[in-house]
Each structure stands twice: as structure tokens, then as C-alpha cells.
């Protein structure tokens, strides 16, 4: 942490062991983002209707109004009673609290670590402010949207889908770019400068 507090510190100045450690963290974080997308895609299933059903307990309206599919699959028809259909129940308050509790203790820590790495990449201050602000907002929004869909209704399902995609893009950028910069950016490439003299940190 002393290195990150030094003026002019850049990720490419890290020692090889530190680069390996931080690169492993970035790669595992990116895999975590990908696995979360796959997990929630399989969990809610069915796009926006899946989000409505999973969080708000809103069942899809029958296509022809009598509880039967307007376009049944080919094959023998089965006239099932209405009560045999799968039960769709809104997520409970306790389950929502459990999920939120877990994410509130993990996502801010990940954001803090990758944010410090992103600060030390040497990109412009406006780009840093923009990407870190966007990543922070996306994390807050995605943690909040299950509550909004649960208690505000299934009409807010697009907001949850948007927040997930928004967070995925922002977190990928602030995580992947430091991993690239620490191995492939050189001090000589810093904007408007010459290589630092021996014993002097790169700005």
C-alpha cells in the first residue's frame, strides 16, 4: 500500500511478484463477473419475464387467456389442471436481505481494489473520474434493483437487466485495463514525458 500512496506511482513499476499477484486477482475478478452473468442468467431465465417472476413473483400471462399455450409444442396434447402449473412466488424479504448482505460485503471491496489499480494506470484524470464514478454507480444500482423489482413491481425488471449489463461493462474496463497496463505499458510511454532517471519514479 505504501507504493500506491507514492506520488507518480504506476502499475508497471510493480515488482514481478506483485504483478503476478495483482494480475491473478484481476483475472479471477473477471471470471467472477462472467460467472455471475451466467449464474443469474440461468437463475432467473426467460429474460425480463424471468426477472419479474424471480423477484416480484409475477407469472407470465397466458397467450390465449385460458391458461393454455397458444402455440403448443408438437406431440400428444396433455390437458393439465390449472393447479398443476408451477407455483411462482415473490422473493421473500429475508432472502432479499441475505443476498444484499452478501453483496454489500464483497462488491465494495472488489471495487476498492481494482479502483486503486485503475488509478495507477496513468490515464487522464477525467477518464479516471468517469470510469470509477460509473463503476460505483453501477454497483449501487445493481444491488438496489432487486428491491425495486420486488416491491415496485415487475415493470422495473428492465432496470435490473440494464444495471447488470452496465456493471459488467464498467467493472470489466476498470479490472482488465490495469492488468494490461502493468505488463504492456512502459514508463517511456507516459504522455509528454521522457524516461525517468535511475532512482526516480515514473510520474
C-alpha atoms as a PDB file:
ATOM      1  CA  UNK A   1       0.000   0.000   0.000  1.00  0.00           C
ATOM      2  CA  UNK A   2       2.981   2.298   0.554  1.00  0.00           C
ATOM      3  CA  UNK A   3       3.687   2.089  -3.191  1.00  0.00           C
ATOM      4  CA  UNK A   4       0.142   3.144  -4.099  1.00  0.00           C
ATOM      5  CA  UNK A   5       0.442   6.174  -1.807  1.00  0.00           C
ATOM      6  CA  UNK A   6       3.622   7.358  -3.540  1.00  0.00           C
ATOM      7  CA  UNK A   7       3.195  10.323  -5.920  1.00  0.00           C
ATOM      8  CA  UNK A   8       3.642   9.246  -9.525  1.00  0.00           C
ATOM      9  CA  UNK A   9       3.379   5.524  -8.842  1.00  0.00           C
ATOM     10  CA  UNK A  10       2.288   3.435 -11.838  1.00  0.00           C
ATOM     11  CA  UNK A  11       1.308  -0.217 -12.028  1.00  0.00           C
ATOM     12  CA  UNK A  12       4.132  -1.039 -14.456  1.00  0.00           C
ATOM     13  CA  UNK A  13       6.617  -0.147 -11.684  1.00  0.00           C
ATOM     14  CA  UNK A  14       5.445  -3.058  -9.539  1.00  0.00           C
ATOM     15  CA  UNK A  15       7.861  -5.883  -8.891  1.00  0.00           C
ATOM     16  CA  UNK A  16       7.278  -9.101 -10.914  1.00  0.00           C
ATOM     17  CA  UNK A  17       5.848 -10.991  -7.887  1.00  0.00           C
ATOM     18  CA  UNK A  18       3.425  -8.124  -7.208  1.00  0.00           C
ATOM     19  CA  UNK A  19       2.413  -8.070 -10.880  1.00  0.00           C
ATOM     20  CA  UNK A  20       1.667 -11.786 -10.751  1.00  0.00           C
ATOM     21  CA  UNK A  21      -0.420 -11.351  -7.608  1.00  0.00           C
ATOM     22  CA  UNK A  22      -2.449  -8.399  -8.883  1.00  0.00           C
ATOM     23  CA  UNK A  23      -2.852  -9.961 -12.321  1.00  0.00           C
ATOM     24  CA  UNK A  24      -4.221 -13.126 -10.735  1.00  0.00           C
ATOM     25  CA  UNK A  25      -6.664 -11.001  -8.737  1.00  0.00           C
ATOM     26  CA  UNK A  26      -7.802  -9.172 -11.898  1.00  0.00           C
ATOM     27  CA  UNK A  27      -8.216 -12.385 -13.898  1.00  0.00           C
ATOM     28  CA  UNK A  28     -10.185 -14.078 -11.111  1.00  0.00           C
ATOM     29  CA  UNK A  29     -12.355 -10.978 -10.741  1.00  0.00           C
ATOM     30  CA  UNK A  30     -13.113 -11.029 -14.473  1.00  0.00           C
ATOM     31  CA  UNK A  31     -14.007 -14.713 -14.222  1.00  0.00           C
ATOM     32  CA  UNK A  32     -16.249 -13.847 -11.283  1.00  0.00           C
ATOM     33  CA  UNK A  33     -18.043 -11.228 -13.401  1.00  0.00           C
ATOM     34  CA  UNK A  34     -18.534 -13.764 -16.194  1.00  0.00           C
ATOM     35  CA  UNK A  35     -19.746 -16.483 -13.828  1.00  0.00           C
ATOM     36  CA  UNK A  36     -22.186 -14.041 -12.195  1.00  0.00           C
ATOM     37  CA  UNK A  37     -23.677 -13.220 -15.581  1.00  0.00           C
ATOM     38  CA  UNK A  38     -24.069 -16.921 -16.380  1.00  0.00           C
ATOM     39  CA  UNK A  39     -25.424 -17.720 -12.911  1.00  0.00           C
ATOM     40  CA  UNK A  40     -28.059 -15.019 -12.872  1.00  0.00           C
ATOM     41  CA  UNK A  41     -28.957 -15.754 -16.481  1.00  0.00           C
ATOM     42  CA  UNK A  42     -29.652 -19.373 -15.555  1.00  0.00           C
ATOM     43  CA  UNK A  43     -31.244 -18.414 -12.239  1.00  0.00           C
ATOM     44  CA  UNK A  44     -33.876 -16.021 -13.495  1.00  0.00           C
ATOM     45  CA  UNK A  45     -34.084 -17.446 -17.050  1.00  0.00           C
ATOM     46  CA  UNK A  46     -36.530 -16.159 -19.624  1.00  0.00           C
ATOM     47  CA  UNK A  47     -35.189 -12.606 -19.847  1.00  0.00           C
ATOM     48  CA  UNK A  48     -37.321  -9.832 -18.365  1.00  0.00           C
ATOM     49  CA  UNK A  49     -40.172 -12.199 -17.570  1.00  0.00           C
ATOM     50  CA  UNK A  50     -37.726 -14.342 -15.618  1.00  0.00           C
ATOM     51  CA  UNK A  51     -36.700 -11.308 -13.557  1.00  0.00           C
ATOM     52  CA  UNK A  52     -40.346 -10.451 -12.904  1.00  0.00           C
ATOM     53  CA  UNK A  53     -41.103 -13.990 -11.798  1.00  0.00           C
ATOM     54  CA  UNK A  54     -37.949 -14.443  -9.708  1.00  0.00           C
ATOM     55  CA  UNK A  55     -38.098 -11.196  -7.738  1.00  0.00           C
ATOM     56  CA  UNK A  56     -41.694  -9.954  -7.968  1.00  0.00           C
ATOM     57  CA  UNK A  57     -43.473 -13.306  -8.331  1.00  0.00           C
ATOM     58  CA  UNK A  58     -45.341 -12.133 -11.434  1.00  0.00           C
ATOM     59  CA  UNK A  59     -46.429 -15.007 -13.636  1.00  0.00           C
ATOM     60  CA  UNK A  60     -46.478 -14.659 -17.415  1.00  0.00           C
ATOM     61  CA  UNK A  61     -49.946 -14.018 -18.791  1.00  0.00           C
ATOM     62  CA  UNK A  62     -51.336 -16.961 -20.818  1.00  0.00           C
ATOM     63  CA  UNK A  63     -51.187 -16.313 -24.528  1.00  0.00           C
ATOM     64  CA  UNK A  64     -54.889 -17.081 -25.131  1.00  0.00           C
ATOM     65  CA  UNK A  65     -56.342 -16.172 -21.726  1.00  0.00           C
ATOM     66  CA  UNK A  66     -57.440 -19.670 -20.653  1.00  0.00           C
ATOM     67  CA  UNK A  67     -54.194 -20.878 -19.132  1.00  0.00           C
ATOM     68  CA  UNK A  68     -53.128 -22.848 -22.191  1.00  0.00           C
ATOM     69  CA  UNK A  69     -50.296 -22.102 -24.572  1.00  0.00           C
ATOM     70  CA  UNK A  70     -51.465 -20.505 -27.803  1.00  0.00           C
ATOM     71  CA  UNK A  71     -48.731 -22.386 -29.701  1.00  0.00           C
ATOM     72  CA  UNK A  72     -48.346 -25.799 -28.097  1.00  0.00           C
ATOM     73  CA  UNK A  73     -45.345 -27.943 -28.904  1.00  0.00           C
ATOM     74  CA  UNK A  74     -45.933 -30.716 -31.433  1.00  0.00           C
ATOM     75  CA  UNK A  75     -46.862 -34.077 -29.957  1.00  0.00           C
ATOM     76  CA  UNK A  76     -49.631 -35.514 -27.813  1.00  0.00           C
ATOM     77  CA  UNK A  77     -51.679 -32.868 -26.033  1.00  0.00           C
ATOM     78  CA  UNK A  78     -51.901 -33.047 -22.243  1.00  0.00           C
ATOM     79  CA  UNK A  79     -54.797 -31.243 -20.615  1.00  0.00           C
ATOM     80  CA  UNK A  80     -53.301 -30.426 -17.205  1.00  0.00           C
ATOM     81  CA  UNK A  81     -55.417 -28.876 -14.465  1.00  0.00           C
ATOM     82  CA  UNK A  82     -54.691 -25.278 -13.558  1.00  0.00           C
ATOM     83  CA  UNK A  83     -53.337 -26.214 -10.107  1.00  0.00           C
ATOM     84  CA  UNK A  84     -50.587 -28.365 -11.681  1.00  0.00           C
ATOM     85  CA  UNK A  85     -48.808 -25.359 -13.119  1.00  0.00           C
ATOM     86  CA  UNK A  86     -45.540 -24.333 -11.374  1.00  0.00           C
ATOM     87  CA  UNK A  87     -46.085 -22.023  -8.433  1.00  0.00           C
ATOM     88  CA  UNK A  88     -44.460 -18.608  -8.841  1.00  0.00           C
ATOM     89  CA  UNK A  89     -43.741 -16.820  -5.560  1.00  0.00           C
ATOM     90  CA  UNK A  90     -42.105 -13.445  -4.992  1.00  0.00           C
ATOM     91  CA  UNK A  91     -38.708 -13.480  -3.295  1.00  0.00           C
ATOM     92  CA  UNK A  92     -39.074 -13.186   0.455  1.00  0.00           C
ATOM     93  CA  UNK A  93     -37.815 -10.224   2.468  1.00  0.00           C
ATOM     94  CA  UNK A  94     -35.366 -12.491   4.302  1.00  0.00           C
ATOM     95  CA  UNK A  95     -33.920 -13.867   1.039  1.00  0.00           C
ATOM     96  CA  UNK A  96     -33.519 -10.355  -0.369  1.00  0.00           C
ATOM     97  CA  UNK A  97     -31.763  -9.278   2.811  1.00  0.00           C
ATOM     98  CA  UNK A  98     -29.448 -12.297   2.638  1.00  0.00           C
ATOM     99  CA  UNK A  99     -28.441 -11.596  -0.969  1.00  0.00           C
ATOM    100  CA  UNK A 100     -27.963  -7.873  -0.294  1.00  0.00           C
ATOM    101  CA  UNK A 101     -25.932  -8.550   2.855  1.00  0.00           C
ATOM    102  CA  UNK A 102     -23.525 -10.777   0.936  1.00  0.00           C
ATOM    103  CA  UNK A 103     -23.063  -8.339  -1.946  1.00  0.00           C
ATOM    104  CA  UNK A 104     -22.604  -5.319   0.323  1.00  0.00           C
ATOM    105  CA  UNK A 105     -19.622  -7.010   1.976  1.00  0.00           C
ATOM    106  CA  UNK A 106     -17.990  -8.197  -1.262  1.00  0.00           C
ATOM    107  CA  UNK A 107     -18.617  -5.771  -4.125  1.00  0.00           C
ATOM    108  CA  UNK A 108     -17.297  -2.619  -2.362  1.00  0.00           C
ATOM    109  CA  UNK A 109     -14.043  -4.432  -1.503  1.00  0.00           C
ATOM    110  CA  UNK A 110     -13.545  -5.565  -5.104  1.00  0.00           C
ATOM    111  CA  UNK A 111     -14.359  -2.073  -6.359  1.00  0.00           C
ATOM    112  CA  UNK A 112     -11.859  -0.548  -3.910  1.00  0.00           C
ATOM    113  CA  UNK A 113      -9.004  -2.838  -5.007  1.00  0.00           C
ATOM    114  CA  UNK A 114      -9.499  -2.597  -8.756  1.00  0.00           C
ATOM    115  CA  UNK A 115     -10.155   1.132  -8.369  1.00  0.00           C
ATOM    116  CA  UNK A 116      -6.715   1.662  -6.793  1.00  0.00           C
ATOM    117  CA  UNK A 117      -5.112  -0.328  -9.599  1.00  0.00           C
ATOM    118  CA  UNK A 118      -7.049   1.707 -12.170  1.00  0.00           C
ATOM    119  CA  UNK A 119      -5.868   4.974 -10.576  1.00  0.00           C
ATOM    120  CA  UNK A 120      -2.252   3.889 -11.106  1.00  0.00           C
ATOM    121  CA  UNK A 121      -2.551   3.234 -14.851  1.00  0.00           C
ATOM    122  CA  UNK A 122      -1.538   6.731 -15.914  1.00  0.00           C
ATOM    123  CA  UNK A 123      -4.697   7.574 -17.874  1.00  0.00           C
ATOM    124  CA  UNK A 124      -6.173  11.067 -17.607  1.00  0.00           C
ATOM    125  CA  UNK A 125      -7.944  12.326 -14.510  1.00  0.00           C
ATOM    126  CA  UNK A 126     -11.218  12.838 -16.391  1.00  0.00           C
ATOM    127  CA  UNK A 127     -11.184   9.238 -17.616  1.00  0.00           C
ATOM    128  CA  UNK A 128     -10.424   8.006 -14.082  1.00  0.00           C
ATOM    129  CA  UNK A 129     -13.262  10.051 -12.631  1.00  0.00           C
ATOM    130  CA  UNK A 130     -15.681   8.943 -15.326  1.00  0.00           C
ATOM    131  CA  UNK A 131     -14.979   5.199 -15.162  1.00  0.00           C
ATOM    132  CA  UNK A 132     -14.740   4.988 -11.365  1.00  0.00           C
ATOM    133  CA  UNK A 133     -17.942   7.022 -10.952  1.00  0.00           C
ATOM    134  CA  UNK A 134     -19.724   4.814 -13.476  1.00  0.00           C
ATOM    135  CA  UNK A 135     -18.468   1.605 -11.845  1.00  0.00           C
ATOM    136  CA  UNK A 136     -19.501   2.823  -8.382  1.00  0.00           C
ATOM    137  CA  UNK A 137     -22.956   3.863  -9.594  1.00  0.00           C
ATOM    138  CA  UNK A 138     -23.470   0.563 -11.415  1.00  0.00           C
ATOM    139  CA  UNK A 139     -22.635  -1.470  -8.300  1.00  0.00           C
ATOM    140  CA  UNK A 140     -25.024   0.572  -6.135  1.00  0.00           C
ATOM    141  CA  UNK A 141     -27.786   0.344  -8.738  1.00  0.00           C
ATOM    142  CA  UNK A 142     -27.428  -3.394  -9.272  1.00  0.00           C
ATOM    143  CA  UNK A 143     -27.561  -4.082  -5.534  1.00  0.00           C
ATOM    144  CA  UNK A 144     -30.664  -1.906  -5.218  1.00  0.00           C
ATOM    145  CA  UNK A 145     -32.684  -3.117  -8.221  1.00  0.00           C
ATOM    146  CA  UNK A 146     -33.829  -6.473  -6.739  1.00  0.00           C
ATOM    147  CA  UNK A 147     -35.565  -4.464  -4.000  1.00  0.00           C
ATOM    148  CA  UNK A 148     -37.072  -2.118  -6.576  1.00  0.00           C
ATOM    149  CA  UNK A 149     -38.423  -5.003  -8.666  1.00  0.00           C
ATOM    150  CA  UNK A 150     -39.677  -6.894  -5.599  1.00  0.00           C
ATOM    151  CA  UNK A 151     -41.578  -4.010  -4.045  1.00  0.00           C
ATOM    152  CA  UNK A 152     -42.071  -1.736  -7.060  1.00  0.00           C
ATOM    153  CA  UNK A 153     -43.408  -4.377  -9.427  1.00  0.00           C
ATOM    154  CA  UNK A 154     -42.253  -6.294 -12.478  1.00  0.00           C
ATOM    155  CA  UNK A 155     -42.381  -3.158 -14.606  1.00  0.00           C
ATOM    156  CA  UNK A 156     -38.957  -2.285 -13.174  1.00  0.00           C
ATOM    157  CA  UNK A 157     -37.399  -5.522 -14.458  1.00  0.00           C
ATOM    158  CA  UNK A 158     -35.637  -3.710 -17.362  1.00  0.00           C
ATOM    159  CA  UNK A 159     -33.819  -1.575 -14.786  1.00  0.00           C
ATOM    160  CA  UNK A 160     -32.315  -4.691 -13.199  1.00  0.00           C
ATOM    161  CA  UNK A 161     -31.247  -6.061 -16.577  1.00  0.00           C
ATOM    162  CA  UNK A 162     -29.712  -2.700 -17.523  1.00  0.00           C
ATOM    163  CA  UNK A 163     -27.848  -2.371 -14.225  1.00  0.00           C
ATOM    164  CA  UNK A 164     -26.344  -5.846 -14.662  1.00  0.00           C
ATOM    165  CA  UNK A 165     -25.050  -5.071 -18.149  1.00  0.00           C
ATOM    166  CA  UNK A 166     -23.860  -1.616 -17.093  1.00  0.00           C
ATOM    167  CA  UNK A 167     -21.960  -3.041 -14.123  1.00  0.00           C
ATOM    168  CA  UNK A 168     -20.457  -5.782 -16.270  1.00  0.00           C
ATOM    169  CA  UNK A 169     -19.035  -3.292 -18.758  1.00  0.00           C
ATOM    170  CA  UNK A 170     -17.709  -0.848 -16.130  1.00  0.00           C
ATOM    171  CA  UNK A 171     -16.134  -3.475 -13.899  1.00  0.00           C
ATOM    172  CA  UNK A 172     -14.561  -5.213 -16.897  1.00  0.00           C
ATOM    173  CA  UNK A 173     -12.870  -1.990 -18.000  1.00  0.00           C
ATOM    174  CA  UNK A 174     -11.553  -0.969 -14.568  1.00  0.00           C
ATOM    175  CA  UNK A 175     -10.330  -4.523 -13.949  1.00  0.00           C
ATOM    176  CA  UNK A 176      -8.914  -5.518 -17.335  1.00  0.00           C
ATOM    177  CA  UNK A 177      -7.079  -2.293 -18.150  1.00  0.00           C
ATOM    178  CA  UNK A 178      -4.789  -2.336 -15.062  1.00  0.00           C
ATOM    179  CA  UNK A 179      -3.882  -5.971 -15.823  1.00  0.00           C
ATOM    180  CA  UNK A 180      -2.908  -4.925 -19.341  1.00  0.00           C
ATOM    181  CA  UNK A 181      -1.065  -1.782 -18.244  1.00  0.00           C
ATOM    182  CA  UNK A 182       1.123  -3.443 -15.622  1.00  0.00           C
ATOM    183  CA  UNK A 183       2.620  -5.828 -18.194  1.00  0.00           C
ATOM    184  CA  UNK A 184       2.477  -3.980 -21.520  1.00  0.00           C
ATOM    185  CA  UNK A 185       2.731  -0.272 -20.699  1.00  0.00           C
ATOM    186  CA  UNK A 186       6.211   1.141 -20.175  1.00  0.00           C
ATOM    187  CA  UNK A 187       7.305   4.223 -18.285  1.00  0.00           C
ATOM    188  CA  UNK A 188       8.591   5.615 -21.584  1.00  0.00           C
ATOM    189  CA  UNK A 189       5.033   5.625 -22.915  1.00  0.00           C
ATOM    190  CA  UNK A 190       3.690   8.056 -20.357  1.00  0.00           C
ATOM    191  CA  UNK A 191       2.151  11.141 -22.012  1.00  0.00           C
ATOM    192  CA  UNK A 192       4.503  14.041 -22.664  1.00  0.00           C
ATOM    193  CA  UNK A 193       7.461  12.705 -20.776  1.00  0.00           C
ATOM    194  CA  UNK A 194      10.864  11.165 -21.169  1.00  0.00           C
ATOM    195  CA  UNK A 195      12.062   8.008 -19.424  1.00  0.00           C
ATOM    196  CA  UNK A 196      12.657   8.630 -15.702  1.00  0.00           C
ATOM    197  CA  UNK A 197      16.186   8.789 -14.459  1.00  0.00           C
ATOM    198  CA  UNK A 198      17.520   5.964 -12.371  1.00  0.00           C
ATOM    199  CA  UNK A 199      16.061   6.034  -8.868  1.00  0.00           C
ATOM    200  CA  UNK A 200      13.213   8.361  -9.822  1.00  0.00           C
ATOM    201  CA  UNK A 201       9.605   7.100 -10.038  1.00  0.00           C
ATOM    202  CA  UNK A 202       7.664   7.485 -13.236  1.00  0.00           C
ATOM    203  CA  UNK A 203       5.045  10.239 -12.953  1.00  0.00           C
END
